Amino acid sequence: MRTKQDPIRIAVLISGGGTNLQALLDAQATGALRSGRIALVVADRTDAYGLVRAEKSGCKTRAIERKACTREEFEAALLELLAQEEIELVILAGFLQILSPAFVQAYPDRILNVHPALIPSFCGEGYYGLRVHEAALARGVKVTGATVHIVNDVPDGGPILLQ
């Protein structure tokens, strides 16, 4: 059981290579991540390379194959796993699934997303992964970046924390 002195237990959800995850793992290793610790990394694909990155850092990992079940079954399994691991904060780092309002309500204001664009540009449904960068290049955008925001019921619509 966690005490108030213990760091917040963080789960990072990924879908692919885990470059954003690696940045978080590096921050944890250097002490820059001070208020919490990554207790679990979950991928929605068993072949996500980010799982290898997490294992090399000593993090507990789990894959729940999204394509093998319905959205409801996937989210139910994920919520059960997060509860078992006493997760308090969820970070979406290259996670290519839109979470349902019911899932988001299970962790109100405790899900953060790393979006690969400066919101409000190139965000919302359909803008994820490389699609964001392809759209920016097609539009001739000269300046781009990333946004960290709180997840709410609207895809990429939550309050912005950092750009």
N, C-alpha and C. Protein backbone atom coordinates (compact mmCIF):
# COMPACT_ATOMS: atom_id res chain seq x y z
N MET A 1 0.85 -1.19 0.00
CA MET A 1 0.00 0.00 0.00
C MET A 1 0.88 1.24 0.00
N ARG A 2 0.55 2.20 -0.85
CA ARG A 2 1.33 3.41 -0.99
C ARG A 2 1.07 4.36 0.17
N THR A 3 2.13 5.00 0.65
CA THR A 3 1.99 6.03 1.67
C THR A 3 2.15 7.39 0.98
N LYS A 4 1.86 8.46 1.69
CA LYS A 4 1.96 9.80 1.11
C LYS A 4 3.39 10.17 0.72
N GLN A 5 4.38 9.52 1.33
CA GLN A 5 5.77 9.81 1.01
C GLN A 5 6.24 9.08 -0.25
N ASP A 6 5.52 8.03 -0.63
CA ASP A 6 5.91 7.27 -1.81
C ASP A 6 5.66 8.08 -3.08
N PRO A 7 6.51 7.90 -4.10
CA PRO A 7 6.27 8.60 -5.36
C PRO A 7 4.99 8.10 -6.04
N ILE A 8 4.37 8.95 -6.80
CA ILE A 8 3.17 8.59 -7.56
C ILE A 8 3.52 7.47 -8.53
N ARG A 9 2.65 6.47 -8.59
CA ARG A 9 2.87 5.33 -9.50
C ARG A 9 2.32 5.68 -10.87
N ILE A 10 3.19 5.65 -11.87
CA ILE A 10 2.88 6.07 -13.23
C ILE A 10 2.86 4.87 -14.16
N ALA A 11 1.86 4.82 -15.03
CA ALA A 11 1.84 3.86 -16.14
C ALA A 11 2.01 4.66 -17.42
N VAL A 12 2.84 4.16 -18.31
CA VAL A 12 3.03 4.78 -19.62
C VAL A 12 2.45 3.83 -20.65
N LEU A 13 1.53 4.34 -21.48
CA LEU A 13 0.91 3.54 -22.52
C LEU A 13 1.56 3.88 -23.86
N ILE A 14 1.92 2.85 -24.62
CA ILE A 14 2.63 3.02 -25.88
C ILE A 14 2.00 2.14 -26.96
N SER A 15 2.38 2.43 -28.20
CA SER A 15 1.95 1.60 -29.32
C SER A 15 3.10 1.15 -30.20
N GLY A 16 4.24 1.80 -30.11
CA GLY A 16 5.32 1.50 -31.04
C GLY A 16 6.70 1.51 -30.45
N GLY A 17 7.58 2.29 -31.08
CA GLY A 17 9.00 2.27 -30.76
C GLY A 17 9.37 2.80 -29.40
N GLY A 18 8.57 3.68 -28.85
CA GLY A 18 8.82 4.13 -27.49
C GLY A 18 9.85 5.24 -27.34
N THR A 19 9.98 6.12 -28.33
CA THR A 19 10.96 7.20 -28.18
C THR A 19 10.55 8.19 -27.09
N ASN A 20 9.26 8.50 -26.99
CA ASN A 20 8.81 9.36 -25.89
C ASN A 20 8.97 8.64 -24.56
N LEU A 21 8.69 7.36 -24.54
CA LEU A 21 8.91 6.56 -23.34
C LEU A 21 10.37 6.62 -22.93
N GLN A 22 11.29 6.51 -23.89
CA GLN A 22 12.71 6.54 -23.57
C GLN A 22 13.09 7.86 -22.92
N ALA A 23 12.52 8.96 -23.40
CA ALA A 23 12.78 10.26 -22.77
C ALA A 23 12.31 10.27 -21.32
N LEU A 24 11.16 9.67 -21.06
CA LEU A 24 10.66 9.58 -19.68
C LEU A 24 11.54 8.69 -18.82
N LEU A 25 11.97 7.56 -19.39
CA LEU A 25 12.86 6.66 -18.65
C LEU A 25 14.19 7.34 -18.34
N ASP A 26 14.71 8.10 -19.31
CA ASP A 26 15.96 8.83 -19.09
C ASP A 26 15.78 9.88 -17.99
N ALA A 27 14.65 10.58 -18.02
CA ALA A 27 14.37 11.59 -16.99
C ALA A 27 14.28 10.93 -15.61
N GLN A 28 13.70 9.77 -15.56
CA GLN A 28 13.62 9.05 -14.29
C GLN A 28 15.02 8.64 -13.82
N ALA A 29 15.85 8.15 -14.75
CA ALA A 29 17.20 7.69 -14.40
C ALA A 29 18.09 8.82 -13.90
N THR A 30 17.89 10.04 -14.42
CA THR A 30 18.73 11.17 -14.00
C THR A 30 18.17 11.91 -12.79
N GLY A 31 16.98 11.52 -12.36
CA GLY A 31 16.37 12.19 -11.22
C GLY A 31 15.52 13.39 -11.59
N ALA A 32 15.38 13.66 -12.88
CA ALA A 32 14.56 14.79 -13.32
C ALA A 32 13.07 14.52 -13.10
N LEU A 33 12.69 13.27 -13.08
CA LEU A 33 11.31 12.90 -12.77
C LEU A 33 11.24 12.70 -11.27
N ARG A 34 10.77 13.73 -10.56
CA ARG A 34 10.89 13.75 -9.10
C ARG A 34 9.62 13.34 -8.35
N SER A 35 8.46 13.58 -8.92
CA SER A 35 7.23 13.36 -8.16
C SER A 35 6.65 11.97 -8.32
N GLY A 36 7.15 11.23 -9.25
CA GLY A 36 6.59 9.90 -9.48
C GLY A 36 7.64 8.97 -10.03
N ARG A 37 7.21 7.72 -10.23
CA ARG A 37 8.10 6.76 -10.87
C ARG A 37 7.28 5.89 -11.80
N ILE A 38 7.90 5.50 -12.89
CA ILE A 38 7.23 4.66 -13.87
C ILE A 38 7.18 3.25 -13.31
N ALA A 39 5.98 2.82 -12.97
CA ALA A 39 5.79 1.51 -12.36
C ALA A 39 5.38 0.46 -13.39
N LEU A 40 4.89 0.92 -14.55
CA LEU A 40 4.36 -0.01 -15.54
C LEU A 40 4.37 0.63 -16.91
N VAL A 41 4.72 -0.17 -17.92
CA VAL A 41 4.61 0.24 -19.31
C VAL A 41 3.69 -0.76 -19.99
N VAL A 42 2.64 -0.26 -20.64
CA VAL A 42 1.67 -1.11 -21.31
C VAL A 42 1.63 -0.75 -22.78
N ALA A 43 1.71 -1.77 -23.63
CA ALA A 43 1.60 -1.57 -25.07
C ALA A 43 0.31 -2.20 -25.57
N ASP A 44 -0.23 -1.63 -26.64
CA ASP A 44 -1.43 -2.21 -27.25
C ASP A 44 -1.07 -3.18 -28.38
N ARG A 45 0.22 -3.47 -28.49
CA ARG A 45 0.73 -4.44 -29.47
C ARG A 45 1.86 -5.24 -28.82
N THR A 46 1.87 -6.53 -29.02
CA THR A 46 2.90 -7.36 -28.41
C THR A 46 4.27 -7.11 -29.02
N ASP A 47 4.31 -6.57 -30.25
CA ASP A 47 5.60 -6.35 -30.92
C ASP A 47 6.11 -4.92 -30.79
N ALA A 48 5.53 -4.13 -29.90
CA ALA A 48 5.96 -2.74 -29.72
C ALA A 48 7.38 -2.71 -29.14
N TYR A 49 8.30 -2.07 -29.84
CA TYR A 49 9.69 -2.03 -29.40
C TYR A 49 9.85 -1.29 -28.07
N GLY A 50 8.93 -0.41 -27.76
CA GLY A 50 8.99 0.29 -26.48
C GLY A 50 9.00 -0.65 -25.30
N LEU A 51 8.42 -1.84 -25.44
CA LEU A 51 8.45 -2.83 -24.36
C LEU A 51 9.89 -3.26 -24.08
N VAL A 52 10.70 -3.39 -25.13
CA VAL A 52 12.11 -3.74 -24.96
C VAL A 52 12.84 -2.63 -24.22
N ARG A 53 12.58 -1.38 -24.61
CA ARG A 53 13.19 -0.24 -23.92
C ARG A 53 12.86 -0.27 -22.43
N ALA A 54 11.58 -0.51 -22.13
CA ALA A 54 11.14 -0.53 -20.73
C ALA A 54 11.80 -1.66 -19.96
N GLU A 55 11.85 -2.83 -20.55
CA GLU A 55 12.49 -3.97 -19.88
C GLU A 55 13.96 -3.71 -19.60
N LYS A 56 14.66 -3.07 -20.55
CA LYS A 56 16.07 -2.74 -20.35
C LYS A 56 16.26 -1.78 -19.19
N SER A 57 15.24 -0.97 -18.92
CA SER A 57 15.31 -0.02 -17.80
C SER A 57 14.80 -0.63 -16.50
N GLY A 58 14.38 -1.87 -16.55
CA GLY A 58 13.90 -2.53 -15.34
C GLY A 58 12.45 -2.29 -15.02
N CYS A 59 11.70 -1.73 -15.95
CA CYS A 59 10.28 -1.47 -15.71
C CYS A 59 9.44 -2.72 -15.98
N LYS A 60 8.40 -2.85 -15.22
CA LYS A 60 7.43 -3.91 -15.45
C LYS A 60 6.68 -3.59 -16.74
N THR A 61 6.45 -4.61 -17.57
CA THR A 61 5.77 -4.40 -18.85
C THR A 61 4.61 -5.36 -19.01
N ARG A 62 3.72 -4.96 -19.88
CA ARG A 62 2.57 -5.80 -20.22
C ARG A 62 2.07 -5.37 -21.58
N ALA A 63 1.64 -6.32 -22.38
CA ALA A 63 1.00 -6.03 -23.66
C ALA A 63 -0.42 -6.56 -23.62
N ILE A 64 -1.33 -5.74 -24.09
CA ILE A 64 -2.72 -6.16 -24.27
C ILE A 64 -3.02 -5.92 -25.74
N GLU A 65 -3.07 -6.98 -26.50
CA GLU A 65 -3.22 -6.87 -27.96
C GLU A 65 -4.59 -6.28 -28.30
N ARG A 66 -4.58 -5.05 -28.77
CA ARG A 66 -5.83 -4.33 -29.05
C ARG A 66 -6.62 -4.99 -30.16
N LYS A 67 -5.96 -5.48 -31.17
CA LYS A 67 -6.67 -6.06 -32.32
C LYS A 67 -7.31 -7.41 -31.99
N ALA A 68 -6.98 -8.00 -30.86
CA ALA A 68 -7.51 -9.31 -30.49
C ALA A 68 -8.83 -9.21 -29.71
N CYS A 69 -9.31 -7.99 -29.47
CA CYS A 69 -10.52 -7.85 -28.67
C CYS A 69 -11.26 -6.57 -29.06
N THR A 70 -12.44 -6.40 -28.49
CA THR A 70 -13.19 -5.17 -28.73
C THR A 70 -12.58 -4.04 -27.92
N ARG A 71 -12.97 -2.83 -28.24
CA ARG A 71 -12.50 -1.66 -27.48
C ARG A 71 -12.88 -1.80 -26.01
N GLU A 72 -14.12 -2.25 -25.77
CA GLU A 72 -14.60 -2.40 -24.39
C GLU A 72 -13.77 -3.43 -23.63
N GLU A 73 -13.48 -4.56 -24.28
CA GLU A 73 -12.67 -5.60 -23.64
C GLU A 73 -11.25 -5.11 -23.38
N PHE A 74 -10.69 -4.39 -24.36
CA PHE A 74 -9.35 -3.84 -24.19
C PHE A 74 -9.30 -2.89 -23.00
N GLU A 75 -10.22 -1.94 -22.96
CA GLU A 75 -10.23 -0.96 -21.87
C GLU A 75 -10.52 -1.60 -20.53
N ALA A 76 -11.37 -2.60 -20.48
CA ALA A 76 -11.65 -3.30 -19.22
C ALA A 76 -10.39 -4.00 -18.71
N ALA A 77 -9.67 -4.66 -19.61
CA ALA A 77 -8.43 -5.34 -19.22
C ALA A 77 -7.39 -4.32 -18.76
N LEU A 78 -7.32 -3.19 -19.45
CA LEU A 78 -6.36 -2.15 -19.10
C LEU A 78 -6.70 -1.54 -17.74
N LEU A 79 -7.96 -1.23 -17.51
CA LEU A 79 -8.37 -0.67 -16.22
C LEU A 79 -8.09 -1.65 -15.07
N GLU A 80 -8.33 -2.93 -15.31
CA GLU A 80 -8.05 -3.95 -14.29
C GLU A 80 -6.56 -3.99 -13.97
N LEU A 81 -5.74 -3.96 -15.01
CA LEU A 81 -4.29 -3.99 -14.82
C LEU A 81 -3.82 -2.74 -14.06
N LEU A 82 -4.31 -1.58 -14.44
CA LEU A 82 -3.92 -0.34 -13.76
C LEU A 82 -4.32 -0.37 -12.29
N ALA A 83 -5.49 -0.92 -12.00
CA ALA A 83 -5.93 -1.03 -10.61
C ALA A 83 -5.04 -2.00 -9.83
N GLN A 84 -4.72 -3.13 -10.44
CA GLN A 84 -3.85 -4.12 -9.78
C GLN A 84 -2.50 -3.52 -9.43
N GLU A 85 -1.99 -2.67 -10.30
CA GLU A 85 -0.67 -2.07 -10.11
C GLU A 85 -0.73 -0.77 -9.32
N GLU A 86 -1.92 -0.40 -8.84
CA GLU A 86 -2.13 0.82 -8.05
C GLU A 86 -1.61 2.06 -8.77
N ILE A 87 -1.93 2.15 -10.05
CA ILE A 87 -1.49 3.28 -10.88
C ILE A 87 -2.32 4.51 -10.54
N GLU A 88 -1.61 5.63 -10.41
CA GLU A 88 -2.27 6.89 -10.06
C GLU A 88 -2.27 7.90 -11.19
N LEU A 89 -1.33 7.77 -12.12
CA LEU A 89 -1.21 8.69 -13.25
C LEU A 89 -0.90 7.88 -14.49
N VAL A 90 -1.56 8.21 -15.59
CA VAL A 90 -1.35 7.52 -16.86
C VAL A 90 -0.80 8.52 -17.86
N ILE A 91 0.27 8.13 -18.54
CA ILE A 91 0.85 8.97 -19.59
C ILE A 91 0.74 8.24 -20.92
N LEU A 92 0.14 8.91 -21.89
CA LEU A 92 0.04 8.37 -23.25
C LEU A 92 1.24 8.91 -24.02
N ALA A 93 2.16 8.02 -24.36
CA ALA A 93 3.40 8.43 -25.03
C ALA A 93 3.53 7.65 -26.34
N GLY A 94 2.94 8.19 -27.38
CA GLY A 94 2.92 7.45 -28.64
C GLY A 94 1.89 6.34 -28.60
N PHE A 95 0.84 6.54 -27.85
CA PHE A 95 -0.25 5.56 -27.74
C PHE A 95 -1.28 5.93 -28.79
N LEU A 96 -1.54 5.04 -29.72
CA LEU A 96 -2.33 5.37 -30.90
C LEU A 96 -3.80 4.98 -30.79
N GLN A 97 -4.33 4.91 -29.58
CA GLN A 97 -5.74 4.60 -29.37
C GLN A 97 -6.43 5.81 -28.74
N ILE A 98 -7.65 6.06 -29.16
CA ILE A 98 -8.48 7.07 -28.51
C ILE A 98 -9.22 6.35 -27.39
N LEU A 99 -9.07 6.85 -26.18
CA LEU A 99 -9.72 6.24 -25.02
C LEU A 99 -11.16 6.73 -24.90
N SER A 100 -12.04 5.85 -24.48
CA SER A 100 -13.46 6.20 -24.36
C SER A 100 -13.67 7.18 -23.21
N PRO A 101 -14.77 7.93 -23.25
CA PRO A 101 -15.10 8.81 -22.12
C PRO A 101 -15.18 8.04 -20.80
N ALA A 102 -15.69 6.82 -20.81
CA ALA A 102 -15.77 6.04 -19.58
C ALA A 102 -14.39 5.75 -19.01
N PHE A 103 -13.43 5.43 -19.88
CA PHE A 103 -12.06 5.19 -19.41
C PHE A 103 -11.48 6.48 -18.83
N VAL A 104 -11.63 7.57 -19.55
CA VAL A 104 -11.09 8.86 -19.10
C VAL A 104 -11.68 9.24 -17.75
N GLN A 105 -12.96 8.97 -17.54
CA GLN A 105 -13.61 9.30 -16.28
C GLN A 105 -13.08 8.45 -15.12
N ALA A 106 -12.49 7.30 -15.42
CA ALA A 106 -11.90 6.46 -14.37
C ALA A 106 -10.63 7.09 -13.80
N TYR A 107 -10.00 7.98 -14.59
CA TYR A 107 -8.78 8.68 -14.17
C TYR A 107 -8.93 10.18 -14.45
N PRO A 108 -9.89 10.84 -13.83
CA PRO A 108 -10.14 12.25 -14.15
C PRO A 108 -8.92 13.13 -13.85
N ASP A 109 -8.52 13.91 -14.84
CA ASP A 109 -7.37 14.82 -14.74
C ASP A 109 -6.08 14.10 -14.36
N ARG A 110 -6.04 12.78 -14.60
CA ARG A 110 -4.84 12.00 -14.27
C ARG A 110 -4.35 11.19 -15.47
N ILE A 111 -4.73 11.64 -16.67
CA ILE A 111 -4.19 11.06 -17.90
C ILE A 111 -3.57 12.21 -18.69
N LEU A 112 -2.28 12.07 -19.01
CA LEU A 112 -1.58 13.07 -19.81
C LEU A 112 -1.26 12.47 -21.17
N ASN A 113 -1.32 13.30 -22.19
CA ASN A 113 -0.98 12.87 -23.54
C ASN A 113 0.17 13.71 -24.07
N VAL A 114 1.12 13.05 -24.72
CA VAL A 114 2.18 13.74 -25.44
C VAL A 114 1.76 13.71 -26.91
N HIS A 115 1.34 14.87 -27.42
CA HIS A 115 0.87 14.98 -28.81
C HIS A 115 1.97 15.59 -29.67
N PRO A 116 2.24 15.00 -30.84
CA PRO A 116 3.37 15.45 -31.66
C PRO A 116 3.10 16.67 -32.53
N ALA A 117 2.36 17.63 -32.02
CA ALA A 117 2.13 18.89 -32.73
C ALA A 117 1.78 19.96 -31.71
N LEU A 118 1.82 21.19 -32.17
CA LEU A 118 1.43 22.31 -31.33
C LEU A 118 -0.08 22.49 -31.44
N ILE A 119 -0.80 21.90 -30.51
CA ILE A 119 -2.26 22.02 -30.48
C ILE A 119 -2.61 23.50 -30.40
N PRO A 120 -3.51 24.02 -31.19
CA PRO A 120 -4.62 23.34 -31.84
C PRO A 120 -4.35 22.90 -33.29
N SER A 121 -3.16 23.00 -33.78
CA SER A 121 -2.87 22.54 -35.14
C SER A 121 -2.67 21.03 -35.15
N PHE A 122 -3.17 20.40 -36.17
CA PHE A 122 -2.94 18.98 -36.43
C PHE A 122 -3.26 18.10 -35.23
N CYS A 123 -4.50 18.21 -34.76
CA CYS A 123 -4.91 17.41 -33.62
C CYS A 123 -6.33 16.92 -33.82
N GLY A 124 -6.77 16.07 -32.93
CA GLY A 124 -8.10 15.49 -33.00
C GLY A 124 -8.06 14.13 -33.68
N GLU A 125 -9.24 13.58 -33.92
CA GLU A 125 -9.31 12.26 -34.52
C GLU A 125 -8.61 12.24 -35.88
N GLY A 126 -7.82 11.19 -36.09
CA GLY A 126 -7.10 11.03 -37.34
C GLY A 126 -5.70 11.60 -37.35
N TYR A 127 -5.39 12.44 -36.38
CA TYR A 127 -4.05 13.03 -36.28
C TYR A 127 -3.27 12.34 -35.16
N TYR A 128 -2.49 11.36 -35.56
CA TYR A 128 -1.67 10.63 -34.61
C TYR A 128 -0.42 10.13 -35.32
N GLY A 129 0.60 9.84 -34.53
CA GLY A 129 1.83 9.27 -35.08
C GLY A 129 2.40 10.11 -36.22
N LEU A 130 2.84 9.42 -37.25
CA LEU A 130 3.46 10.11 -38.40
C LEU A 130 2.47 10.94 -39.19
N ARG A 131 1.19 10.65 -39.08
CA ARG A 131 0.18 11.44 -39.81
C ARG A 131 0.26 12.92 -39.46
N VAL A 132 0.57 13.21 -38.21
CA VAL A 132 0.69 14.60 -37.77
C VAL A 132 1.82 15.29 -38.53
N HIS A 133 2.96 14.64 -38.60
CA HIS A 133 4.13 15.24 -39.27
C HIS A 133 3.93 15.33 -40.77
N GLU A 134 3.29 14.33 -41.35
CA GLU A 134 2.99 14.37 -42.79
C GLU A 134 2.07 15.54 -43.11
N ALA A 135 1.07 15.76 -42.28
CA ALA A 135 0.14 16.88 -42.49
C ALA A 135 0.86 18.22 -42.35
N ALA A 136 1.75 18.33 -41.38
CA ALA A 136 2.49 19.57 -41.19
C ALA A 136 3.40 19.85 -42.39
N LEU A 137 4.07 18.84 -42.87
CA LEU A 137 4.93 19.00 -44.04
C LEU A 137 4.12 19.37 -45.28
N ALA A 138 2.98 18.72 -45.46
CA ALA A 138 2.12 19.01 -46.61
C ALA A 138 1.62 20.44 -46.60
N ARG A 139 1.42 21.00 -45.41
CA ARG A 139 0.95 22.37 -45.27
C ARG A 139 2.08 23.38 -45.33
N GLY A 140 3.34 22.91 -45.35
CA GLY A 140 4.48 23.82 -45.40
C GLY A 140 4.75 24.53 -44.09
N VAL A 141 4.38 23.92 -42.99
CA VAL A 141 4.58 24.52 -41.68
C VAL A 141 6.08 24.73 -41.42
N LYS A 142 6.43 25.90 -40.94
CA LYS A 142 7.84 26.23 -40.68
C LYS A 142 8.26 25.94 -39.24
N VAL A 143 7.31 25.98 -38.31
CA VAL A 143 7.61 25.75 -36.90
C VAL A 143 6.63 24.68 -36.38
N THR A 144 7.18 23.69 -35.73
CA THR A 144 6.35 22.64 -35.14
C THR A 144 6.92 22.28 -33.78
N GLY A 145 6.25 21.40 -33.09
CA GLY A 145 6.70 21.00 -31.77
C GLY A 145 5.79 19.95 -31.21
N ALA A 146 5.71 19.87 -29.91
CA ALA A 146 4.86 18.89 -29.24
C ALA A 146 4.05 19.59 -28.16
N THR A 147 2.98 18.93 -27.75
CA THR A 147 2.11 19.45 -26.70
C THR A 147 1.86 18.36 -25.67
N VAL A 148 1.95 18.72 -24.41
CA VAL A 148 1.53 17.83 -23.33
C VAL A 148 0.23 18.41 -22.79
N HIS A 149 -0.81 17.59 -22.78
CA HIS A 149 -2.10 18.07 -22.29
C HIS A 149 -2.81 17.01 -21.46
N ILE A 150 -3.77 17.48 -20.67
CA ILE A 150 -4.62 16.57 -19.90
C ILE A 150 -5.65 15.99 -20.85
N VAL A 151 -5.88 14.71 -20.74
CA VAL A 151 -6.85 14.04 -21.60
C VAL A 151 -8.25 14.22 -21.02
N ASN A 152 -9.17 14.58 -21.92
CA ASN A 152 -10.58 14.64 -21.54
C ASN A 152 -11.39 13.89 -22.59
N ASP A 153 -12.70 14.11 -22.63
CA ASP A 153 -13.57 13.37 -23.54
C ASP A 153 -13.41 13.76 -25.00
N VAL A 154 -12.76 14.88 -25.29
CA VAL A 154 -12.57 15.36 -26.66
C VAL A 154 -11.14 15.02 -27.09
N PRO A 155 -10.96 14.26 -28.18
CA PRO A 155 -9.60 13.93 -28.61
C PRO A 155 -8.72 15.18 -28.77
N ASP A 156 -7.63 15.23 -28.03
CA ASP A 156 -6.68 16.35 -28.02
C ASP A 156 -7.33 17.66 -27.59
N GLY A 157 -8.40 17.56 -26.80
CA GLY A 157 -9.15 18.75 -26.41
C GLY A 157 -8.93 19.21 -24.98
N GLY A 158 -8.15 18.47 -24.21
CA GLY A 158 -7.95 18.83 -22.81
C GLY A 158 -7.02 20.00 -22.60
N PRO A 159 -6.99 20.53 -21.39
CA PRO A 159 -6.14 21.67 -21.08
C PRO A 159 -4.65 21.39 -21.39
N ILE A 160 -4.02 22.37 -22.01
CA ILE A 160 -2.60 22.27 -22.37
C ILE A 160 -1.75 22.59 -21.16
N LEU A 161 -0.78 21.73 -20.90
CA LEU A 161 0.16 21.95 -19.79
C LEU A 161 1.48 22.53 -20.27
N LEU A 162 1.93 22.11 -21.45
CA LEU A 162 3.24 22.52 -21.94
C LEU A 162 3.31 22.35 -23.44
N GLN A 163 3.95 23.31 -24.11
CA GLN A 163 4.21 23.19 -25.55
C GLN A 163 5.66 23.49 -25.80
